[in-house]
Amino acid sequence: MVRMISFLLAVGFLSCNPVNGRDEYLLTLVNGLNPTTAVTTSFTIGTSSKINVTSASVILYYGTPQLFGFSLVSPPTANVTLAFTNSKLNAIGNLTFTPANYSTIQTITLTSNTQLMESSSLSVTATSADTNYSGVSGSITINHRNVNIVYTGSSFIFKEDDSAPTLNPILGFPITNCSVAPALPNGLSLNTSTCVISGTPTDSQAGTTYTITATDGTNTDTENITIRITPTVYKVFITAVPFDGDLRGVAANGPAGADLKCNADTNKPSTGTYKAMLTDGTNRRACSSDNCGGGIGENIDWVFQSGRIYIRANDSASLLSPNAAGILPADGSGNFTTNPYNLNHSFDSSTTAKEYWTGFAQSNYWQEATAQTENSCNDWTLNVGPATTSFGGRVGTSNSTNYSAFRNGSGRSCASSFYLVCVEQ
């Protein structure tokens, strides 16, 4: 990954009122790497100009802090304090100028906390007993960059002869060209301007790694993804809407009602029948002993089956291929360490975590949580809940690839609403 180190050489200003074209400026050149070295050239100052700044806008790369300078145009009669606000930057302290040092350049460090290609405003506000500076405010445009290209996953499994979900990368900088090596499978193509991958794969193939390279002519980044193509896949999605702990609806029991909700959800793919990934111990169960020590015979209407390939519905990211009992064995720390039985990606491609009902125990892996009946919301028939978290329905979290994807933290009130994970059958 190549990062550009930009020097802060331009000059702007902050003012109480917009400065018109007839105003002239005090130009202060600040070397971005050595702020103690400065060259000042003075011109007549327009009436609106109060604060000198290094530049009116900044290109700021994630992971590369930059120094940014300020000074006052004219000597104040009292101390002047500059305060800074921007949620996309790490915390910045205040700067204070005195009548003695008003023209000495002071610097702050700009450090981006976003990896997205976006813009934000650094708000600057002055406070002082000097009425010439009291309330002076303005903003500096921060153009966030990150020499980075990343897709929603690292390993994708597409179904042969089915239109593949479009793979849209997140780009951290404006690009001029994108390329891939080796050539993508037959039927898939790369947009050389956006790095988007789309198409309908026509031939089965084992997992193959492809290197996508994005460049703006100066900066370059690469991303490796693996693509496998197979005749059969099974999809998994998280519902678009959450539900309280009584999942029955018109169904006879909670799991059956949850299945109806899965199949009526707007996130459901156009084909396939789906069941909800949860347990009540009676109507739906993965295991009755830790990690299904007794084998597949412990399953009751379980949603995962051995030998099947499960993928994330929205982008075909590889999820899991369970063992003979339809699970991923967890170790004492809640990690999946029995290769190849791993959760390869989280159940949701979004970076925002969602929680969904599951009913699983914390450490008796893959068994129903049974300390209280409300741990599975009374077999998913209860929509009221106690205040204490030792009771309440158990949930999993969407941004995990270990056992917390199936059981995360303490109980949740059965009156609260959480999502469902839906698995194709």
Protein backbone atom coordinates (compact mmCIF):
# COMPACT_ATOMS: atom_id res chain seq x y z
CA MET A 1 0.00 0.00 0.00
CA VAL A 2 1.45 3.33 -1.02
CA ARG A 3 0.52 6.43 0.91
CA MET A 4 1.15 10.02 -0.21
CA ILE A 5 2.61 12.34 2.41
CA SER A 6 1.24 15.75 1.56
CA PHE A 7 2.93 18.99 2.56
CA LEU A 8 0.79 21.76 3.94
CA LEU A 9 1.74 24.74 1.83
CA ALA A 10 -1.45 26.56 0.97
CA VAL A 11 -2.99 29.28 3.13
CA GLY A 12 -6.55 30.29 3.94
CA PHE A 13 -8.35 32.02 6.76
CA LEU A 14 -11.31 31.89 9.14
CA SER A 15 -13.60 34.85 9.45
CA CYS A 16 -16.81 36.09 11.01
CA ASN A 17 -18.09 37.07 7.57
CA PRO A 18 -17.34 35.77 4.08
CA VAL A 19 -14.30 37.41 2.54
CA ASN A 20 -14.91 38.94 -0.85
CA GLY A 21 -12.54 38.95 -3.77
CA ARG A 22 -11.12 42.41 -2.93
CA ASP A 23 -9.71 41.23 0.42
CA GLU A 24 -6.02 40.39 0.56
CA TYR A 25 -4.38 37.83 2.79
CA LEU A 26 -1.49 37.17 5.08
CA LEU A 27 0.22 34.12 3.61
CA THR A 28 1.91 31.80 6.08
CA LEU A 29 3.72 28.82 4.61
CA VAL A 30 4.05 25.91 7.05
CA ASN A 31 6.08 22.85 6.19
CA GLY A 32 3.83 19.92 7.16
CA LEU A 33 6.74 17.86 8.48
CA ASN A 34 8.55 20.63 10.36
CA PRO A 35 6.13 23.25 11.66
CA THR A 36 8.87 25.16 13.46
CA THR A 37 10.19 26.27 10.08
CA ALA A 38 7.98 28.98 8.58
CA VAL A 39 8.21 31.70 6.00
CA THR A 40 5.84 34.66 6.35
CA THR A 41 5.01 37.12 3.59
CA SER A 42 2.80 40.04 4.62
CA PHE A 43 0.23 41.82 2.51
CA THR A 44 -2.49 44.28 3.46
CA ILE A 45 -5.06 42.39 5.53
CA GLY A 46 -8.73 42.54 4.58
CA THR A 47 -11.16 43.61 7.32
CA SER A 48 -12.74 40.14 7.54
CA SER A 49 -9.58 38.15 8.07
CA LYS A 50 -9.00 37.22 11.72
CA ILE A 51 -7.20 33.85 11.83
CA ASN A 52 -4.52 32.47 9.53
CA VAL A 53 -4.68 28.74 8.74
CA THR A 54 -2.40 26.44 6.82
CA SER A 55 -5.00 25.79 4.14
CA ALA A 56 -8.71 26.00 3.48
CA SER A 57 -8.90 22.25 2.92
CA VAL A 58 -6.83 19.14 3.65
CA ILE A 59 -6.44 15.73 2.05
CA LEU A 60 -5.96 13.47 5.06
CA TYR A 61 -4.94 9.82 4.69
CA TYR A 62 -6.03 7.28 7.27
CA GLY A 63 -3.05 6.15 9.32
CA THR A 64 -0.96 9.22 8.36
CA PRO A 65 -1.35 12.12 10.82
CA GLN A 66 -0.80 15.65 9.52
CA LEU A 67 0.16 18.84 11.30
CA PHE A 68 -2.03 21.88 10.70
CA GLY A 69 -1.07 25.43 11.70
CA PHE A 70 -2.87 28.49 13.06
CA SER A 71 -1.88 32.04 13.96
CA LEU A 72 -3.73 35.29 14.59
CA VAL A 73 -3.74 38.16 12.12
CA SER A 74 -3.46 40.98 14.66
CA PRO A 75 -2.43 41.21 18.31
CA PRO A 76 -5.33 40.58 20.70
CA THR A 77 -5.93 42.55 23.89
CA ALA A 78 -6.56 39.29 25.80
CA ASN A 79 -5.81 35.59 25.36
CA VAL A 80 -7.59 33.87 22.46
CA THR A 81 -8.46 30.15 22.70
CA LEU A 82 -9.30 28.11 19.61
CA ALA A 83 -11.48 25.00 20.08
CA PHE A 84 -11.94 22.30 17.44
CA THR A 85 -14.79 19.90 16.65
CA ASN A 86 -14.93 17.03 14.14
CA SER A 87 -16.30 13.53 14.84
CA LYS A 88 -14.24 12.04 11.99
CA LEU A 89 -10.96 13.03 13.64
CA ASN A 90 -9.28 11.82 16.81
CA ALA A 91 -9.55 14.21 19.77
CA ILE A 92 -7.84 17.58 19.33
CA GLY A 93 -6.85 19.84 22.22
CA ASN A 94 -7.29 23.60 22.30
CA LEU A 95 -4.77 26.24 21.23
CA THR A 96 -4.28 29.46 23.20
CA PHE A 97 -2.68 32.61 21.78
CA THR A 98 -1.49 35.53 23.91
CA PRO A 99 -0.77 39.13 22.95
CA ALA A 100 2.92 38.14 22.99
CA ASN A 101 2.77 35.03 20.75
CA TYR A 102 -0.28 35.77 18.55
CA SER A 103 1.73 35.61 15.31
CA THR A 104 3.67 32.45 16.21
CA ILE A 105 2.32 29.44 14.33
CA GLN A 106 0.84 26.78 16.61
CA THR A 107 -0.11 23.36 15.26
CA ILE A 108 -2.66 20.68 15.91
CA THR A 109 -2.42 17.06 14.74
CA LEU A 110 -5.11 15.87 12.36
CA THR A 111 -5.67 12.09 12.57
CA SER A 112 -8.55 10.54 10.66
CA ASN A 113 -10.63 7.89 12.38
CA THR A 114 -12.58 6.90 9.27
CA GLN A 115 -11.32 4.59 6.55
CA LEU A 116 -14.02 5.71 4.13
CA MET A 117 -13.54 8.12 1.26
CA GLU A 118 -15.63 11.02 2.51
CA SER A 119 -15.47 14.67 3.51
CA SER A 120 -16.01 16.35 6.86
CA SER A 121 -15.63 19.84 8.36
CA LEU A 122 -13.22 20.82 11.10
CA SER A 123 -15.14 23.48 13.03
CA VAL A 124 -13.00 26.15 14.71
CA THR A 125 -14.38 28.53 17.34
CA ALA A 126 -12.51 31.31 19.16
CA THR A 127 -13.28 32.52 22.67
CA SER A 128 -11.70 35.65 24.14
CA ALA A 129 -12.37 38.73 26.24
CA ASP A 130 -11.19 40.63 23.16
CA THR A 131 -14.38 41.45 21.25
CA ASN A 132 -12.42 41.41 17.98
CA TYR A 133 -11.91 37.63 18.42
CA SER A 134 -14.79 36.57 20.64
CA GLY A 135 -17.10 34.24 18.70
CA VAL A 136 -14.98 34.11 15.54
CA SER A 137 -15.67 30.76 13.88
CA GLY A 138 -15.18 28.91 10.64
CA SER A 139 -14.54 25.52 9.16
CA ILE A 140 -11.86 23.69 7.21
CA THR A 141 -12.77 20.93 4.77
CA ILE A 142 -11.16 17.57 5.51
CA ASN A 143 -11.10 15.18 2.55
CA HIS A 144 -10.59 11.73 4.06
CA ARG A 145 -8.67 9.16 2.06
CA ASN A 146 -7.34 5.67 2.62
CA VAL A 147 -5.23 3.97 0.00
CA ASN A 148 -7.32 0.87 0.32
CA ILE A 149 -9.69 -1.37 -1.61
CA VAL A 150 -11.73 -3.97 0.25
CA TYR A 151 -14.66 -6.18 -0.64
CA THR A 152 -17.35 -7.35 1.78
CA GLY A 153 -15.55 -10.67 2.18
CA SER A 154 -12.39 -12.51 1.30
CA SER A 155 -13.86 -15.79 0.07
CA PHE A 156 -16.93 -16.10 -2.16
CA ILE A 157 -18.81 -19.16 -3.42
CA PHE A 158 -21.04 -18.69 -6.44
CA LYS A 159 -23.62 -21.07 -7.85
CA GLU A 160 -22.87 -22.27 -11.35
CA ASP A 161 -25.11 -20.74 -14.05
CA ASP A 162 -26.83 -18.40 -11.53
CA SER A 163 -26.41 -14.65 -11.65
CA ALA A 164 -23.84 -13.80 -9.00
CA PRO A 165 -24.44 -11.02 -6.46
CA THR A 166 -22.60 -7.89 -7.54
CA LEU A 167 -19.41 -7.45 -5.52
CA ASN A 168 -19.04 -3.73 -4.79
CA PRO A 169 -15.73 -2.79 -3.19
CA ILE A 170 -15.28 -0.06 -0.62
CA LEU A 171 -12.69 2.33 -2.05
CA GLY A 172 -10.68 4.64 0.15
CA PHE A 173 -9.42 6.87 -2.66
CA PRO A 174 -10.55 7.96 -6.15
CA ILE A 175 -9.22 5.47 -8.68
CA THR A 176 -8.51 5.75 -12.38
CA ASN A 177 -8.01 2.08 -13.19
CA CYS A 178 -8.66 -1.40 -11.83
CA SER A 179 -7.27 -4.74 -12.99
CA VAL A 180 -7.39 -8.39 -11.94
CA ALA A 181 -4.99 -11.32 -12.23
CA PRO A 182 -5.48 -14.04 -13.23
CA ALA A 183 -8.52 -13.52 -15.45
CA LEU A 184 -11.84 -14.00 -13.65
CA PRO A 185 -13.84 -17.21 -14.25
CA ASN A 186 -15.90 -17.49 -17.41
CA GLY A 187 -19.02 -15.35 -17.12
CA LEU A 188 -17.65 -12.94 -14.51
CA SER A 189 -16.19 -9.53 -15.35
CA LEU A 190 -14.41 -6.67 -13.61
CA ASN A 191 -15.36 -3.05 -14.21
CA THR A 192 -11.98 -1.40 -14.76
CA SER A 193 -13.24 1.98 -13.53
CA THR A 194 -14.97 0.88 -10.31
CA CYS A 195 -13.53 -2.59 -9.45
CA VAL A 196 -17.09 -3.97 -9.34
CA ILE A 197 -17.32 -7.71 -10.10
CA SER A 198 -20.50 -9.05 -11.67
CA GLY A 199 -21.88 -11.64 -14.07
CA THR A 200 -23.05 -15.26 -14.25
CA PRO A 201 -20.34 -17.89 -13.75
CA THR A 202 -20.71 -20.74 -16.22
CA ASP A 203 -18.22 -23.37 -15.05
CA SER A 204 -17.60 -25.04 -11.71
CA GLN A 205 -14.14 -24.56 -10.23
CA ALA A 206 -12.26 -25.02 -6.99
CA GLY A 207 -11.44 -21.96 -4.91
CA THR A 208 -9.00 -19.74 -6.83
CA THR A 209 -7.36 -16.56 -5.54
CA TYR A 210 -7.62 -13.38 -7.62
CA THR A 211 -5.65 -10.18 -7.04
CA ILE A 212 -7.52 -6.96 -7.76
CA THR A 213 -5.34 -3.87 -8.16
CA ALA A 214 -6.71 -0.32 -7.91
CA THR A 215 -4.70 2.81 -8.71
CA ASP A 216 -5.11 6.55 -9.16
CA GLY A 217 -1.87 6.74 -11.13
CA THR A 218 0.20 7.47 -8.02
CA ASN A 219 -1.29 5.43 -5.18
CA THR A 220 -1.92 1.71 -5.58
CA ASP A 221 -3.57 -0.97 -3.44
CA THR A 222 -4.36 -4.64 -3.98
CA GLU A 223 -6.95 -6.98 -2.54
CA ASN A 224 -6.93 -10.78 -2.75
CA ILE A 225 -10.25 -12.62 -2.91
CA THR A 226 -11.01 -16.29 -3.45
CA ILE A 227 -13.80 -17.38 -5.78
CA ARG A 228 -15.23 -20.88 -5.88
CA ILE A 229 -18.02 -22.00 -8.21
CA THR A 230 -20.17 -25.02 -7.40
CA PRO A 231 -23.48 -26.51 -8.64
CA THR A 232 -25.25 -26.20 -5.27
CA VAL A 233 -25.18 -23.67 -2.43
CA TYR A 234 -27.49 -22.90 0.49
CA LYS A 235 -28.13 -19.30 1.46
CA VAL A 236 -28.34 -17.62 4.86
CA PHE A 237 -29.74 -14.16 5.63
CA ILE A 238 -30.70 -11.95 8.57
CA THR A 239 -34.25 -10.65 8.56
CA ALA A 240 -34.89 -7.05 7.63
CA VAL A 241 -37.09 -6.50 10.70
CA PRO A 242 -36.75 -7.59 14.35
CA PHE A 243 -39.34 -9.45 16.45
CA ASP A 244 -40.15 -9.79 20.14
CA GLY A 245 -39.77 -13.12 21.93
CA ASP A 246 -43.19 -14.50 21.01
CA LEU A 247 -42.44 -15.80 17.54
CA ARG A 248 -45.50 -18.01 17.06
CA GLY A 249 -47.82 -15.81 15.06
CA VAL A 250 -50.33 -18.19 13.49
CA ALA A 251 -48.02 -21.18 13.99
CA ALA A 252 -48.37 -23.87 16.64
CA ASN A 253 -44.97 -23.25 18.20
CA GLY A 254 -42.21 -20.63 18.30
CA PRO A 255 -39.74 -22.16 15.83
CA ALA A 256 -42.48 -22.81 13.26
CA GLY A 257 -43.65 -19.21 13.66
CA ALA A 258 -40.10 -17.96 13.21
CA ASP A 259 -39.87 -19.98 9.98
CA LEU A 260 -42.97 -18.21 8.66
CA LYS A 261 -41.36 -14.87 9.47
CA CYS A 262 -38.21 -15.88 7.59
CA ASN A 263 -40.12 -16.84 4.49
CA ALA A 264 -42.17 -13.62 4.51
CA ASP A 265 -39.17 -11.33 5.08
CA THR A 266 -38.09 -8.81 2.44
CA ASN A 267 -34.46 -9.97 2.72
CA LYS A 268 -35.42 -13.50 1.64
CA PRO A 269 -33.96 -14.47 -1.75
CA SER A 270 -36.45 -15.09 -4.55
CA THR A 271 -36.04 -18.85 -4.34
CA GLY A 272 -35.75 -21.41 -1.54
CA THR A 273 -37.47 -22.27 1.74
CA TYR A 274 -35.95 -21.08 5.00
CA LYS A 275 -35.91 -22.02 8.69
CA ALA A 276 -34.88 -19.86 11.65
CA MET A 277 -31.58 -20.65 13.36
CA LEU A 278 -32.76 -20.97 16.97
CA THR A 279 -33.55 -23.65 19.53
CA ASP A 280 -36.35 -24.34 22.00
CA GLY A 281 -35.00 -27.75 22.98
CA THR A 282 -38.22 -29.55 22.02
CA ASN A 283 -39.37 -28.58 18.56
CA ARG A 284 -35.94 -27.50 17.26
CA ARG A 285 -32.62 -28.55 18.68
CA ALA A 286 -29.02 -28.74 17.57
CA CYS A 287 -27.55 -30.68 20.51
CA SER A 288 -28.54 -32.18 23.85
CA SER A 289 -24.90 -32.59 24.93
CA ASP A 290 -21.84 -30.37 24.56
CA ASN A 291 -20.98 -30.05 20.85
CA CYS A 292 -23.38 -32.89 20.03
CA GLY A 293 -21.20 -35.57 21.63
CA GLY A 294 -23.82 -38.14 20.67
CA GLY A 295 -23.76 -37.18 17.00
CA ILE A 296 -26.52 -36.30 14.57
CA GLY A 297 -29.07 -38.24 16.62
CA GLU A 298 -29.28 -35.23 18.94
CA ASN A 299 -30.69 -33.04 16.15
CA ILE A 300 -34.40 -32.19 16.12
CA ASP A 301 -35.55 -30.28 13.02
CA TRP A 302 -32.10 -28.66 12.95
CA VAL A 303 -31.36 -26.06 10.27
CA PHE A 304 -27.80 -26.99 9.19
CA GLN A 305 -26.85 -30.28 7.56
CA SER A 306 -23.50 -31.92 6.99
CA GLY A 307 -22.08 -31.79 3.46
CA ARG A 308 -23.86 -28.59 2.52
CA ILE A 309 -22.15 -25.32 1.59
CA TYR A 310 -23.75 -22.28 3.23
CA ILE A 311 -23.17 -18.76 1.93
CA ARG A 312 -24.28 -15.25 2.87
CA ALA A 313 -27.26 -14.47 0.66
CA ASN A 314 -26.47 -10.85 -0.15
CA ASP A 315 -22.91 -11.32 -1.43
CA SER A 316 -22.21 -15.10 -1.59
CA ALA A 317 -19.47 -14.86 1.05
CA SER A 318 -18.53 -18.30 2.34
CA LEU A 319 -20.04 -19.07 5.77
CA LEU A 320 -19.68 -22.70 6.82
CA SER A 321 -19.82 -26.36 5.94
CA PRO A 322 -20.87 -28.07 9.20
CA ASN A 323 -19.66 -31.38 10.60
CA ALA A 324 -21.65 -34.62 10.67
CA ALA A 325 -23.91 -33.28 13.44
CA GLY A 326 -24.67 -30.04 11.59
CA ILE A 327 -22.56 -27.78 13.86
CA LEU A 328 -19.14 -26.20 14.25
CA PRO A 329 -17.46 -27.70 17.37
CA ALA A 330 -16.37 -24.99 19.82
CA ASP A 331 -13.46 -25.19 22.25
CA GLY A 332 -13.42 -23.99 25.85
CA SER A 333 -12.86 -20.40 24.75
CA GLY A 334 -15.76 -20.41 22.33
CA ASN A 335 -13.56 -20.58 19.24
CA PHE A 336 -14.02 -22.92 16.30
CA THR A 337 -10.68 -24.70 16.07
CA THR A 338 -11.58 -28.02 14.39
CA ASN A 339 -10.64 -27.47 10.75
CA PRO A 340 -12.34 -27.25 8.38
CA TYR A 341 -15.34 -26.54 10.60
CA ASN A 342 -15.09 -22.76 10.88
CA LEU A 343 -17.37 -19.78 10.42
CA ASN A 344 -15.52 -18.10 7.57
CA HIS A 345 -17.44 -14.80 7.64
CA SER A 346 -19.99 -13.25 9.97
CA PHE A 347 -23.69 -13.67 9.18
CA ASP A 348 -24.00 -10.04 8.10
CA SER A 349 -21.73 -8.05 5.77
CA SER A 350 -22.55 -4.75 7.49
CA THR A 351 -20.08 -3.29 9.98
CA THR A 352 -23.03 -2.39 12.24
CA ALA A 353 -23.64 -5.28 14.65
CA LYS A 354 -27.13 -6.76 14.89
CA GLU A 355 -28.35 -9.25 17.49
CA TYR A 356 -30.77 -12.08 16.75
CA TRP A 357 -32.67 -14.62 18.84
CA THR A 358 -31.00 -18.03 19.19
CA GLY A 359 -31.62 -19.45 22.70
CA PHE A 360 -28.21 -21.15 22.96
CA ALA A 361 -26.26 -21.74 26.17
CA GLN A 362 -23.08 -19.77 26.91
CA SER A 363 -20.65 -22.65 27.44
CA ASN A 364 -22.68 -25.86 27.00
CA TYR A 365 -22.05 -25.40 23.33
CA TRP A 366 -24.98 -25.79 20.93
CA GLN A 367 -27.39 -26.71 23.71
CA GLU A 368 -30.44 -24.72 24.75
CA ALA A 369 -29.86 -22.29 27.62
CA THR A 370 -31.95 -23.76 30.43
CA ALA A 371 -31.12 -21.85 33.63
CA GLN A 372 -34.56 -20.24 33.32
CA THR A 373 -37.39 -20.94 30.91
CA GLU A 374 -37.16 -17.36 29.74
CA ASN A 375 -33.70 -18.07 28.27
CA SER A 376 -35.58 -19.09 25.14
CA CYS A 377 -38.56 -16.82 25.94
CA ASN A 378 -40.60 -19.83 27.12
CA ASP A 379 -39.97 -21.72 23.90
CA TRP A 380 -40.42 -18.48 21.93
CA THR A 381 -43.95 -17.85 23.18
CA LEU A 382 -43.24 -14.97 25.61
CA ASN A 383 -43.07 -11.25 24.84
CA VAL A 384 -42.66 -9.82 28.35
CA GLY A 385 -39.44 -9.89 30.33
CA PRO A 386 -37.82 -9.29 33.73
CA ALA A 387 -35.32 -6.58 34.52
CA THR A 388 -32.50 -8.95 35.49
CA THR A 389 -30.26 -10.18 32.69
CA SER A 390 -29.86 -13.63 34.26
CA PHE A 391 -33.28 -14.22 32.78
CA GLY A 392 -34.25 -13.16 29.28
CA GLY A 393 -33.80 -14.64 25.82
CA ARG A 394 -30.36 -15.49 24.52
CA VAL A 395 -29.02 -13.91 21.34
CA GLY A 396 -26.13 -14.10 18.88
CA THR A 397 -24.30 -11.20 17.27
CA SER A 398 -23.89 -10.58 13.54
CA ASN A 399 -20.29 -9.31 13.52
CA SER A 400 -18.66 -12.41 15.05
CA THR A 401 -17.06 -15.51 13.58
CA ASN A 402 -16.73 -17.43 16.85
CA TYR A 403 -19.37 -18.93 19.14
CA SER A 404 -20.68 -15.47 20.08
CA ALA A 405 -22.29 -15.50 16.63
CA PHE A 406 -24.65 -18.03 18.24
CA ARG A 407 -24.64 -16.81 21.86
CA ASN A 408 -23.55 -13.32 22.86
CA GLY A 409 -23.52 -12.06 26.43
CA SER A 410 -26.35 -12.01 28.93
CA GLY A 411 -30.09 -12.36 28.43
CA ARG A 412 -32.31 -9.89 26.62
CA SER A 413 -35.83 -8.97 27.62
CA CYS A 414 -38.35 -11.04 25.70
CA ALA A 415 -40.33 -7.81 25.27
CA SER A 416 -37.46 -6.39 23.20
CA SER A 417 -37.14 -7.00 19.48
CA PHE A 418 -34.26 -8.83 17.81
CA TYR A 419 -33.66 -10.26 14.35
CA LEU A 420 -33.70 -13.84 13.07
CA VAL A 421 -31.04 -15.76 11.12
CA CYS A 422 -32.72 -17.70 8.31
CA VAL A 423 -31.16 -20.78 6.69
CA GLU A 424 -32.14 -22.30 3.34
CA GLN A 425 -33.35 -25.91 3.48
